[in-house]
Amino acid sequence: MKSTLKNLAAWTMAWLLSTAIATFGPIALWDNIGLSILAIIINLLVGIGMIRANVSLFATYDELQKEIHLKATGITLGLSLVL
């Protein structure tokens, strides 16, 4: 479980970095639409990797951990949409 958690942390950091580059790259680093599209595609691919790492982590949980994590995720998603 510890290695899958580290894997998720690495994918999350990569996604955060790719999101920052896709967001601020066109403002601060380049004026090329092609680079912006490439940054967005890379961000989407890294996001898919992060989702797969999260699913892999879920597979290591027991039933109680799955239930608690699923409820917490549902509450977080609900609050994010409402707020």
N, C-alpha and C. Protein backbone atom coordinates (compact mmCIF):
# COMPACT_ATOMS: atom_id res chain seq x y z
N MET A 1 0.82 -1.19 0.00
CA MET A 1 0.00 0.00 0.00
C MET A 1 0.87 1.26 0.00
N LYS A 2 2.02 1.19 0.67
CA LYS A 2 2.88 2.36 0.75
C LYS A 2 3.42 2.76 -0.62
N SER A 3 3.76 1.77 -1.45
CA SER A 3 4.29 2.08 -2.78
C SER A 3 3.20 2.67 -3.68
N THR A 4 1.96 2.18 -3.54
CA THR A 4 0.88 2.75 -4.36
C THR A 4 0.55 4.17 -3.91
N LEU A 5 0.71 4.45 -2.63
CA LEU A 5 0.48 5.80 -2.13
C LEU A 5 1.56 6.76 -2.65
N LYS A 6 2.81 6.28 -2.68
CA LYS A 6 3.89 7.09 -3.25
C LYS A 6 3.67 7.32 -4.74
N ASN A 7 3.18 6.29 -5.43
CA ASN A 7 2.88 6.41 -6.86
C ASN A 7 1.81 7.47 -7.09
N LEU A 8 0.75 7.44 -6.27
CA LEU A 8 -0.30 8.44 -6.39
C LEU A 8 0.24 9.84 -6.09
N ALA A 9 1.09 9.96 -5.10
CA ALA A 9 1.68 11.27 -4.78
C ALA A 9 2.51 11.79 -5.95
N ALA A 10 3.27 10.92 -6.59
CA ALA A 10 4.08 11.34 -7.74
C ALA A 10 3.19 11.79 -8.91
N TRP A 11 2.13 11.02 -9.20
CA TRP A 11 1.21 11.40 -10.28
C TRP A 11 0.49 12.70 -9.95
N THR A 12 0.13 12.89 -8.68
CA THR A 12 -0.55 14.12 -8.28
C THR A 12 0.36 15.33 -8.44
N MET A 13 1.61 15.19 -8.05
CA MET A 13 2.57 16.30 -8.22
C MET A 13 2.79 16.59 -9.71
N ALA A 14 2.88 15.54 -10.52
CA ALA A 14 3.06 15.73 -11.97
C ALA A 14 1.84 16.43 -12.56
N TRP A 15 0.65 16.05 -12.10
CA TRP A 15 -0.57 16.69 -12.61
C TRP A 15 -0.62 18.15 -12.19
N LEU A 16 -0.25 18.43 -10.94
CA LEU A 16 -0.24 19.81 -10.46
C LEU A 16 0.73 20.66 -11.28
N LEU A 17 1.90 20.13 -11.54
CA LEU A 17 2.89 20.85 -12.34
C LEU A 17 2.41 21.05 -13.78
N SER A 18 1.82 20.01 -14.38
CA SER A 18 1.33 20.15 -15.75
C SER A 18 0.16 21.12 -15.84
N THR A 19 -0.67 21.18 -14.79
CA THR A 19 -1.76 22.15 -14.76
C THR A 19 -1.20 23.58 -14.68
N ALA A 20 -0.19 23.77 -13.86
CA ALA A 20 0.42 25.09 -13.75
C ALA A 20 1.06 25.52 -15.06
N ILE A 21 1.73 24.60 -15.73
CA ILE A 21 2.36 24.92 -17.02
C ILE A 21 1.30 25.23 -18.07
N ALA A 22 0.23 24.43 -18.11
CA ALA A 22 -0.83 24.67 -19.09
C ALA A 22 -1.56 25.99 -18.81
N THR A 23 -1.64 26.37 -17.55
CA THR A 23 -2.34 27.60 -17.19
C THR A 23 -1.48 28.84 -17.40
N PHE A 24 -0.27 28.80 -16.89
CA PHE A 24 0.56 29.99 -16.90
C PHE A 24 1.56 30.04 -18.06
N GLY A 25 1.75 28.94 -18.76
CA GLY A 25 2.65 28.93 -19.90
C GLY A 25 2.30 29.95 -20.96
N PRO A 26 1.04 29.99 -21.41
CA PRO A 26 0.68 30.98 -22.44
C PRO A 26 0.82 32.43 -21.95
N ILE A 27 0.73 32.65 -20.66
CA ILE A 27 0.84 34.01 -20.12
C ILE A 27 2.30 34.43 -19.99
N ALA A 28 3.13 33.52 -19.48
CA ALA A 28 4.50 33.91 -19.12
C ALA A 28 5.59 33.34 -20.02
N LEU A 29 5.35 32.20 -20.67
CA LEU A 29 6.45 31.53 -21.35
C LEU A 29 6.38 31.56 -22.87
N TRP A 30 5.18 31.50 -23.45
CA TRP A 30 5.08 31.43 -24.90
C TRP A 30 3.82 32.10 -25.41
N ASP A 31 3.82 32.39 -26.71
CA ASP A 31 2.65 32.96 -27.38
C ASP A 31 2.17 32.06 -28.51
N ASN A 32 2.56 30.81 -28.48
CA ASN A 32 2.26 29.87 -29.55
C ASN A 32 1.06 29.00 -29.17
N ILE A 33 0.03 29.00 -30.00
CA ILE A 33 -1.17 28.20 -29.72
C ILE A 33 -0.87 26.70 -29.75
N GLY A 34 0.09 26.31 -30.59
CA GLY A 34 0.47 24.90 -30.67
C GLY A 34 1.05 24.39 -29.36
N LEU A 35 1.88 25.20 -28.72
CA LEU A 35 2.44 24.81 -27.43
C LEU A 35 1.36 24.75 -26.35
N SER A 36 0.40 25.64 -26.44
CA SER A 36 -0.71 25.63 -25.48
C SER A 36 -1.53 24.35 -25.63
N ILE A 37 -1.81 23.97 -26.86
CA ILE A 37 -2.57 22.74 -27.09
C ILE A 37 -1.78 21.52 -26.62
N LEU A 38 -0.47 21.51 -26.88
CA LEU A 38 0.38 20.41 -26.41
C LEU A 38 0.38 20.34 -24.89
N ALA A 39 0.45 21.48 -24.21
CA ALA A 39 0.43 21.51 -22.75
C ALA A 39 -0.89 20.97 -22.21
N ILE A 40 -2.00 21.29 -22.88
CA ILE A 40 -3.31 20.79 -22.44
C ILE A 40 -3.41 19.29 -22.65
N ILE A 41 -2.91 18.79 -23.77
CA ILE A 41 -2.93 17.35 -24.04
C ILE A 41 -2.09 16.60 -23.00
N ILE A 42 -0.91 17.14 -22.71
CA ILE A 42 -0.05 16.51 -21.69
C ILE A 42 -0.75 16.53 -20.34
N ASN A 43 -1.42 17.63 -20.01
CA ASN A 43 -2.16 17.72 -18.75
C ASN A 43 -3.26 16.67 -18.68
N LEU A 44 -3.97 16.46 -19.78
CA LEU A 44 -5.02 15.43 -19.80
C LEU A 44 -4.44 14.03 -19.62
N LEU A 45 -3.32 13.76 -20.28
CA LEU A 45 -2.71 12.44 -20.15
C LEU A 45 -2.18 12.18 -18.74
N VAL A 46 -1.58 13.19 -18.15
CA VAL A 46 -1.09 13.05 -16.77
C VAL A 46 -2.28 12.91 -15.81
N GLY A 47 -3.38 13.61 -16.10
CA GLY A 47 -4.58 13.47 -15.29
C GLY A 47 -5.14 12.05 -15.33
N ILE A 48 -5.11 11.44 -16.51
CA ILE A 48 -5.55 10.05 -16.64
C ILE A 48 -4.64 9.13 -15.82
N GLY A 49 -3.34 9.41 -15.86
CA GLY A 49 -2.40 8.62 -15.04
C GLY A 49 -2.69 8.77 -13.56
N MET A 50 -3.05 9.98 -13.13
CA MET A 50 -3.37 10.21 -11.73
C MET A 50 -4.65 9.45 -11.33
N ILE A 51 -5.63 9.44 -12.21
CA ILE A 51 -6.87 8.70 -11.93
C ILE A 51 -6.57 7.20 -11.82
N ARG A 52 -5.75 6.68 -12.72
CA ARG A 52 -5.40 5.26 -12.66
C ARG A 52 -4.64 4.93 -11.38
N ALA A 53 -3.76 5.84 -10.94
CA ALA A 53 -3.03 5.63 -9.68
C ALA A 53 -3.98 5.63 -8.50
N ASN A 54 -5.01 6.48 -8.55
CA ASN A 54 -6.02 6.52 -7.49
C ASN A 54 -6.81 5.23 -7.45
N VAL A 55 -7.20 4.72 -8.61
CA VAL A 55 -7.92 3.45 -8.68
C VAL A 55 -7.04 2.31 -8.14
N SER A 56 -5.76 2.36 -8.46
CA SER A 56 -4.83 1.34 -7.96
C SER A 56 -4.73 1.40 -6.44
N LEU A 57 -4.73 2.60 -5.88
CA LEU A 57 -4.70 2.73 -4.43
C LEU A 57 -5.98 2.18 -3.81
N PHE A 58 -7.12 2.45 -4.44
CA PHE A 58 -8.40 1.93 -3.94
C PHE A 58 -8.39 0.41 -3.88
N ALA A 59 -7.70 -0.22 -4.80
CA ALA A 59 -7.67 -1.69 -4.85
C ALA A 59 -6.96 -2.27 -3.63
N THR A 60 -6.10 -1.49 -2.98
CA THR A 60 -5.39 -2.00 -1.80
C THR A 60 -6.19 -1.82 -0.51
N TYR A 61 -7.29 -1.05 -0.56
CA TYR A 61 -8.09 -0.78 0.63
C TYR A 61 -8.95 -1.97 1.01
N ASP A 62 -9.24 -2.09 2.31
CA ASP A 62 -10.25 -3.05 2.74
C ASP A 62 -11.62 -2.38 2.64
N GLU A 63 -12.67 -3.11 2.98
CA GLU A 63 -14.03 -2.61 2.77
C GLU A 63 -14.33 -1.34 3.58
N LEU A 64 -13.87 -1.27 4.81
CA LEU A 64 -14.13 -0.08 5.63
C LEU A 64 -13.40 1.14 5.07
N GLN A 65 -12.15 0.96 4.67
CA GLN A 65 -11.41 2.07 4.08
C GLN A 65 -12.07 2.55 2.79
N LYS A 66 -12.55 1.62 1.99
CA LYS A 66 -13.23 1.99 0.74
C LYS A 66 -14.48 2.81 1.04
N GLU A 67 -15.26 2.37 2.03
CA GLU A 67 -16.50 3.08 2.36
C GLU A 67 -16.21 4.48 2.88
N ILE A 68 -15.23 4.61 3.77
CA ILE A 68 -14.89 5.92 4.32
C ILE A 68 -14.36 6.84 3.23
N HIS A 69 -13.48 6.33 2.39
CA HIS A 69 -12.91 7.14 1.31
C HIS A 69 -13.97 7.55 0.30
N LEU A 70 -14.87 6.66 -0.02
CA LEU A 70 -15.93 6.96 -0.98
C LEU A 70 -16.87 8.04 -0.42
N LYS A 71 -17.23 7.96 0.85
CA LYS A 71 -18.08 8.98 1.45
C LYS A 71 -17.38 10.33 1.50
N ALA A 72 -16.09 10.33 1.86
CA ALA A 72 -15.34 11.59 1.91
C ALA A 72 -15.22 12.20 0.52
N THR A 73 -15.00 11.36 -0.49
CA THR A 73 -14.91 11.85 -1.86
C THR A 73 -16.24 12.42 -2.32
N GLY A 74 -17.33 11.76 -1.98
CA GLY A 74 -18.66 12.25 -2.34
C GLY A 74 -18.98 13.58 -1.69
N ILE A 75 -18.62 13.73 -0.42
CA ILE A 75 -18.86 14.99 0.28
C ILE A 75 -18.03 16.11 -0.35
N THR A 76 -16.77 15.81 -0.64
CA THR A 76 -15.88 16.81 -1.25
C THR A 76 -16.39 17.23 -2.62
N LEU A 77 -16.82 16.29 -3.42
CA LEU A 77 -17.34 16.61 -4.74
C LEU A 77 -18.61 17.45 -4.62
N GLY A 78 -19.48 17.07 -3.71
CA GLY A 78 -20.72 17.83 -3.51
C GLY A 78 -20.45 19.26 -3.06
N LEU A 79 -19.55 19.42 -2.11
CA LEU A 79 -19.22 20.78 -1.64
C LEU A 79 -18.55 21.59 -2.75
N SER A 80 -17.72 20.96 -3.54
CA SER A 80 -17.05 21.68 -4.64
C SER A 80 -18.06 22.19 -5.66
N LEU A 81 -19.06 21.38 -5.96
CA LEU A 81 -20.07 21.79 -6.94
C LEU A 81 -20.97 22.87 -6.38
N VAL A 82 -21.34 22.77 -5.13
CA VAL A 82 -22.26 23.74 -4.53
C VAL A 82 -21.56 25.09 -4.32
N LEU A 83 -20.35 25.05 -3.81
CA LEU A 83 -19.63 26.29 -3.52
C LEU A 83 -19.01 26.86 -4.77
